[in-house]
Amino acid sequence: MKTSAHFMSGTMMSKALLTTLLFLTFLNGNAQTEVTKNVIVDAAGWKRVATLDAPAGRGYNEIVLYTKGGATAPRVVKISWFKGWGTNYGGLNIVSLSNGGLWSKARITYDGTQSYLEVNFTKDIPVLSVYQNQSVWSGGEIIGGTLPDGGGDVVVSAKVGRVNYGEDSFFLGYNGNAGIGTTSPDAKLAVNGVVHSKEVKVDLNGWSDFVFKEDYNLPTLEEVEQHIQEKGYLKDIPSAKEVKENGIFLGDMDAKLLQKIEELTLYTIQQQKMIKTQGQMIRELKNEIQQLKNN
């Protein structure tokens, strides 16, 4: 029994030792895939953050820039991209995990020999942490010390926002405005291109049925003609110059167009009444003429 117990104890110790060695190997292996360097940004402007693949090779790359400590909230931004053969880089993808303020743009440049990831900093940063995960990094490394100034031919660039996928493909600003095909959305959704939809719903506070109210001052056709001659466009409708400069709001424009349709309807009704009256007068006049001929 003692021999068996001693054997079991030795076996368990061997398994425990093997497990520990495997665990330490796992930790050591993972630690080698992650690299963080603390660098210095000495002034605002474009700075090289990392050297990238030489013309040969391809792969997916990403790094994370972040600050920590101090009186202000940390700033974190992840920049990723894909490299094809040669200097063919895919669009930069940017995800910011905090508000902006320290960096505004990122780009990849090529000086004829080496490619670089560069970031446009808005101010100096005494201590900036740059993190890379080598398990997804294909070539290149973080530049240590004081980051050198940027330069060279710009291969691809992107504006830093909350999210920016594929340069201008999709951009989400810090203010919550989203842009498709633009990095400067001036509304909650700005699209630089064609929008294809089965239905569009527009909420409005008013409509143009006021035209049919008795107190509506319907312009005379002479007044409409005078306005067209003087201005070159219909009253209450924006001119071509205004549309070119400011565009149109679909809901507001639909209401204005309906107003003109309703005014045209009233003109048509007036003209129909006039035509009916004139027809009656013509028939009466014909009857009188016929009576005179008969007499």
Protein backbone atom coordinates (compact mmCIF):
# COMPACT_ATOMS: atom_id res chain seq x y z
CA MET A 1 0.00 0.00 0.00
CA LYS A 2 2.81 2.38 0.84
CA THR A 3 4.49 1.59 -2.49
CA SER A 4 1.24 2.24 -4.37
CA ALA A 5 0.67 5.51 -2.52
CA HIS A 6 4.23 6.58 -3.19
CA PHE A 7 3.80 5.72 -6.90
CA MET A 8 0.53 7.68 -7.11
CA SER A 9 2.11 10.66 -5.40
CA GLY A 10 5.04 10.62 -7.82
CA THR A 11 2.69 10.39 -10.81
CA MET A 12 0.59 13.31 -9.59
CA MET A 13 3.70 15.40 -8.98
CA SER A 14 4.93 14.64 -12.50
CA LYS A 15 1.58 15.70 -13.99
CA ALA A 16 1.54 18.85 -11.90
CA LEU A 17 5.09 19.69 -12.99
CA LEU A 18 4.23 19.07 -16.65
CA THR A 19 1.09 21.21 -16.38
CA THR A 20 3.11 24.02 -14.78
CA LEU A 21 5.75 23.85 -17.51
CA LEU A 22 3.09 23.93 -20.22
CA PHE A 23 1.36 26.87 -18.55
CA LEU A 24 4.62 28.80 -18.25
CA THR A 25 5.42 28.01 -21.86
CA PHE A 26 1.97 29.26 -22.87
CA LEU A 27 2.43 32.50 -20.94
CA ASN A 28 5.91 33.00 -22.32
CA GLY A 29 4.75 32.33 -25.87
CA ASN A 30 1.87 34.77 -25.59
CA ALA A 31 4.06 37.40 -23.97
CA GLN A 32 6.33 37.30 -26.99
CA THR A 33 3.43 38.11 -29.33
CA GLU A 34 2.75 41.42 -27.59
CA VAL A 35 5.06 44.43 -27.70
CA THR A 36 4.50 47.82 -26.07
CA LYS A 37 6.86 50.76 -26.36
CA ASN A 38 6.64 54.10 -24.61
CA VAL A 39 7.60 56.80 -27.09
CA ILE A 40 7.79 60.60 -27.15
CA VAL A 41 5.89 62.98 -29.42
CA ASP A 42 7.98 66.16 -29.24
CA ALA A 43 5.66 68.42 -31.25
CA ALA A 44 2.42 68.55 -33.22
CA GLY A 45 2.46 67.31 -36.81
CA TRP A 46 2.99 64.13 -38.80
CA LYS A 47 5.16 61.58 -36.99
CA ARG A 48 6.32 58.12 -38.01
CA VAL A 49 5.01 55.57 -35.52
CA ALA A 50 6.08 52.28 -37.10
CA THR A 51 8.07 50.85 -39.97
CA LEU A 52 6.01 48.52 -42.12
CA ASP A 53 6.70 45.73 -44.58
CA ALA A 54 9.25 46.34 -47.28
CA PRO A 55 7.88 46.01 -50.85
CA ALA A 56 7.81 42.21 -50.48
CA GLY A 57 5.26 40.37 -48.36
CA ARG A 58 1.68 40.98 -47.41
CA GLY A 59 -0.55 40.62 -44.35
CA TYR A 60 -2.87 42.22 -41.82
CA ASN A 61 -1.46 44.78 -39.40
CA GLU A 62 -2.77 46.77 -36.44
CA ILE A 63 -1.40 48.89 -33.62
CA VAL A 64 -2.98 50.69 -30.67
CA LEU A 65 -1.95 54.14 -29.41
CA TYR A 66 -2.95 55.06 -25.88
CA THR A 67 -2.17 57.39 -23.04
CA LYS A 68 -2.58 56.60 -19.37
CA GLY A 69 -2.38 58.40 -16.06
CA GLY A 70 -2.30 62.15 -15.63
CA ALA A 71 -5.14 64.54 -14.98
CA THR A 72 -6.97 63.98 -18.28
CA ALA A 73 -8.95 60.95 -19.40
CA PRO A 74 -7.01 58.29 -21.32
CA ARG A 75 -7.06 58.42 -25.12
CA VAL A 76 -7.10 55.18 -27.11
CA VAL A 77 -7.15 54.59 -30.87
CA LYS A 78 -6.65 51.39 -32.88
CA ILE A 79 -5.35 51.62 -36.44
CA SER A 80 -5.45 48.59 -38.73
CA TRP A 81 -4.81 47.97 -42.41
CA PHE A 82 -4.10 45.27 -44.98
CA LYS A 83 -1.00 45.11 -47.14
CA GLY A 84 -0.99 43.45 -50.52
CA TRP A 85 2.06 42.72 -52.66
CA GLY A 86 4.40 45.63 -53.29
CA THR A 87 3.20 48.91 -51.82
CA ASN A 88 -0.45 48.07 -52.39
CA TYR A 89 -2.06 48.86 -49.03
CA GLY A 90 -5.74 48.49 -48.28
CA GLY A 91 -7.70 51.33 -46.75
CA LEU A 92 -6.95 52.28 -43.17
CA ASN A 93 -9.52 51.23 -40.57
CA ILE A 94 -9.63 53.36 -37.42
CA VAL A 95 -11.55 52.73 -34.20
CA SER A 96 -11.30 55.28 -31.40
CA LEU A 97 -12.26 54.07 -27.95
CA SER A 98 -12.35 57.60 -26.52
CA ASN A 99 -12.92 61.17 -27.56
CA GLY A 100 -10.44 62.78 -29.94
CA GLY A 101 -8.02 65.55 -29.17
CA LEU A 102 -4.51 64.13 -29.56
CA TRP A 103 -4.53 62.87 -33.17
CA SER A 104 -6.52 63.80 -36.24
CA LYS A 105 -5.36 61.63 -39.15
CA ALA A 106 -3.34 58.54 -40.01
CA ARG A 107 -1.59 57.55 -43.21
CA ILE A 108 0.87 55.12 -44.78
CA THR A 109 3.80 56.58 -46.69
CA TYR A 110 6.58 55.16 -48.83
CA ASP A 111 10.01 56.75 -49.29
CA GLY A 112 11.17 54.49 -52.11
CA THR A 113 12.66 51.90 -49.77
CA GLN A 114 10.52 51.59 -46.66
CA SER A 115 6.85 52.08 -45.79
CA TYR A 116 5.75 53.80 -42.58
CA LEU A 117 2.63 54.24 -40.52
CA GLU A 118 2.32 57.94 -39.66
CA VAL A 119 -0.06 59.79 -37.34
CA ASN A 120 -0.86 63.49 -37.37
CA PHE A 121 -0.64 64.57 -33.70
CA THR A 122 -2.34 67.75 -32.56
CA LYS A 123 0.08 68.36 -29.67
CA ASP A 124 3.20 67.00 -28.02
CA ILE A 125 2.81 63.92 -25.82
CA PRO A 126 5.60 63.26 -23.28
CA VAL A 127 4.66 59.61 -22.86
CA LEU A 128 2.70 57.73 -25.51
CA SER A 129 2.26 53.96 -25.36
CA VAL A 130 2.24 52.10 -28.68
CA TYR A 131 1.05 48.47 -28.61
CA GLN A 132 1.31 45.81 -31.29
CA ASN A 133 0.22 42.20 -31.30
CA GLN A 134 2.77 40.21 -33.27
CA SER A 135 0.35 37.34 -33.79
CA VAL A 136 -1.40 39.50 -36.41
CA TRP A 137 1.54 41.74 -37.32
CA SER A 138 3.26 40.86 -40.58
CA GLY A 139 6.61 42.64 -40.71
CA GLY A 140 7.68 46.01 -39.41
CA GLU A 141 8.07 47.30 -35.87
CA ILE A 142 7.26 50.20 -33.56
CA ILE A 143 9.72 53.08 -33.74
CA GLY A 144 11.17 53.76 -30.29
CA GLY A 145 12.30 56.95 -28.58
CA THR A 146 11.28 60.32 -29.99
CA LEU A 147 9.12 59.74 -33.05
CA PRO A 148 10.68 61.15 -36.24
CA ASP A 149 8.87 63.54 -38.57
CA GLY A 150 6.77 62.03 -41.32
CA GLY A 151 7.28 62.34 -45.05
CA GLY A 152 7.38 60.49 -48.35
CA ASP A 153 4.68 59.60 -50.85
CA VAL A 154 1.26 59.09 -49.29
CA VAL A 155 -0.07 55.64 -50.19
CA VAL A 156 -3.32 55.78 -48.22
CA SER A 157 -4.72 58.05 -45.50
CA ALA A 158 -7.75 58.31 -43.22
CA LYS A 159 -9.31 60.80 -40.82
CA VAL A 160 -9.52 59.75 -37.18
CA GLY A 161 -13.05 59.54 -35.82
CA ARG A 162 -15.02 57.27 -33.55
CA VAL A 163 -14.97 54.76 -36.42
CA ASN A 164 -13.54 55.06 -39.92
CA TYR A 165 -13.64 52.02 -42.20
CA GLY A 166 -11.93 52.11 -45.57
CA GLU A 167 -11.09 55.83 -45.61
CA ASP A 168 -14.39 57.34 -46.85
CA SER A 169 -16.44 54.13 -46.91
CA PHE A 170 -18.00 54.63 -43.48
CA PHE A 171 -17.18 57.32 -40.93
CA LEU A 172 -18.66 57.86 -37.47
CA GLY A 173 -17.70 61.15 -35.83
CA TYR A 174 -17.30 61.90 -32.16
CA ASN A 175 -20.54 63.93 -32.30
CA GLY A 176 -22.52 60.89 -33.43
CA ASN A 177 -22.82 62.01 -37.07
CA ALA A 178 -22.32 59.18 -39.56
CA GLY A 179 -20.97 59.60 -43.07
CA ILE A 180 -21.00 57.20 -46.01
CA GLY A 181 -18.56 58.32 -48.69
CA THR A 182 -17.57 61.34 -46.60
CA THR A 183 -15.53 62.01 -43.46
CA SER A 184 -17.28 65.33 -42.79
CA PRO A 185 -20.92 64.42 -42.12
CA ASP A 186 -22.98 67.54 -41.35
CA ALA A 187 -26.03 65.57 -40.18
CA LYS A 188 -26.81 62.39 -38.26
CA LEU A 189 -26.44 60.60 -41.61
CA ALA A 190 -24.66 62.12 -44.62
CA VAL A 191 -24.31 60.12 -47.82
CA ASN A 192 -22.04 61.16 -50.68
CA GLY A 193 -23.61 58.98 -53.34
CA VAL A 194 -26.83 57.29 -54.36
CA VAL A 195 -29.28 56.09 -51.70
CA HIS A 196 -31.38 53.09 -52.79
CA SER A 197 -34.41 52.45 -50.62
CA LYS A 198 -37.86 50.88 -50.91
CA GLU A 199 -39.39 53.59 -48.76
CA VAL A 200 -38.42 56.86 -47.10
CA LYS A 201 -40.52 58.33 -44.29
CA VAL A 202 -40.24 62.04 -43.47
CA ASP A 203 -41.81 63.53 -40.36
CA LEU A 204 -43.32 67.00 -40.88
CA ASN A 205 -45.03 69.49 -38.60
CA GLY A 206 -47.22 70.97 -41.32
CA TRP A 207 -48.63 70.41 -44.79
CA SER A 208 -49.91 72.58 -47.64
CA ASP A 209 -53.67 72.20 -47.22
CA PHE A 210 -53.82 75.83 -46.04
CA VAL A 211 -54.13 76.69 -49.74
CA PHE A 212 -57.74 75.45 -49.67
CA LYS A 213 -58.76 77.64 -46.74
CA GLU A 214 -61.06 80.57 -47.48
CA ASP A 215 -58.64 83.17 -46.13
CA TYR A 216 -55.75 82.01 -48.34
CA ASN A 217 -54.51 84.80 -50.59
CA LEU A 218 -54.20 83.03 -53.91
CA PRO A 219 -51.94 85.05 -56.23
CA THR A 220 -53.42 86.04 -59.55
CA LEU A 221 -51.88 84.54 -62.65
CA GLU A 222 -50.73 88.04 -63.59
CA GLU A 223 -48.81 88.20 -60.28
CA VAL A 224 -47.32 84.76 -60.95
CA GLU A 225 -46.22 85.87 -64.42
CA GLN A 226 -44.67 89.07 -63.06
CA HIS A 227 -42.68 87.16 -60.41
CA ILE A 228 -41.36 84.72 -63.04
CA GLN A 229 -40.33 87.59 -65.32
CA GLU A 230 -38.55 89.41 -62.48
CA LYS A 231 -37.00 86.48 -60.56
CA GLY A 232 -36.83 83.63 -63.04
CA TYR A 233 -38.46 81.08 -60.70
CA LEU A 234 -41.74 80.48 -58.88
CA LYS A 235 -42.50 82.29 -55.64
CA ASP A 236 -41.80 80.22 -52.48
CA ILE A 237 -39.66 77.79 -54.52
CA PRO A 238 -35.85 77.97 -54.16
CA SER A 239 -33.86 79.13 -57.17
CA ALA A 240 -31.34 76.95 -59.00
CA LYS A 241 -28.53 78.91 -57.31
CA GLU A 242 -29.97 78.27 -53.85
CA VAL A 243 -30.39 74.56 -54.56
CA LYS A 244 -26.82 74.28 -55.82
CA GLU A 245 -25.44 76.00 -52.72
CA ASN A 246 -27.70 74.54 -50.03
CA GLY A 247 -29.48 71.52 -51.52
CA ILE A 248 -33.07 70.81 -50.54
CA PHE A 249 -34.94 69.18 -47.67
CA LEU A 250 -37.21 66.53 -49.17
CA GLY A 251 -40.09 67.02 -46.75
CA ASP A 252 -40.06 70.81 -47.05
CA MET A 253 -39.70 70.64 -50.83
CA ASP A 254 -42.56 68.17 -51.19
CA ALA A 255 -44.75 70.54 -49.16
CA LYS A 256 -43.81 73.49 -51.40
CA LEU A 257 -44.46 71.49 -54.56
CA LEU A 258 -47.83 70.36 -53.18
CA GLN A 259 -48.63 74.02 -52.46
CA LYS A 260 -48.05 74.82 -56.14
CA ILE A 261 -50.12 71.81 -57.23
CA GLU A 262 -53.00 72.93 -55.02
CA GLU A 263 -52.72 76.47 -56.38
CA LEU A 264 -52.80 75.08 -59.91
CA THR A 265 -55.88 73.07 -58.94
CA LEU A 266 -57.62 76.26 -57.80
CA TYR A 267 -56.63 78.03 -61.02
CA THR A 268 -58.00 75.09 -63.02
CA ILE A 269 -61.28 75.17 -61.08
CA GLN A 270 -61.57 78.93 -61.69
CA GLN A 271 -60.84 78.49 -65.38
CA GLN A 272 -63.33 75.61 -65.63
CA LYS A 273 -66.04 77.78 -64.09
CA MET A 274 -65.13 80.56 -66.49
CA ILE A 275 -65.22 78.17 -69.46
CA LYS A 276 -68.60 76.86 -68.33
CA THR A 277 -69.97 80.39 -67.99
CA GLN A 278 -68.56 81.39 -71.36
CA GLY A 279 -70.07 78.27 -72.93
CA GLN A 280 -73.45 79.15 -71.52
CA MET A 281 -73.14 82.72 -72.83
CA ILE A 282 -72.10 81.46 -76.25
CA ARG A 283 -75.11 79.12 -76.43
CA GLU A 284 -77.46 81.95 -75.42
CA LEU A 285 -75.86 84.24 -77.98
CA LYS A 286 -76.26 81.61 -80.69
CA ASN A 287 -79.93 81.20 -79.77
CA GLU A 288 -80.50 84.97 -80.02
CA ILE A 289 -78.75 85.10 -83.41
CA GLN A 290 -80.81 82.16 -84.62
CA GLN A 291 -84.03 83.85 -83.48
CA LEU A 292 -83.04 87.03 -85.32
CA LYS A 293 -82.43 85.04 -88.48
CA ASN A 294 -85.77 83.32 -88.14
CA ASN A 295 -87.55 86.63 -87.75
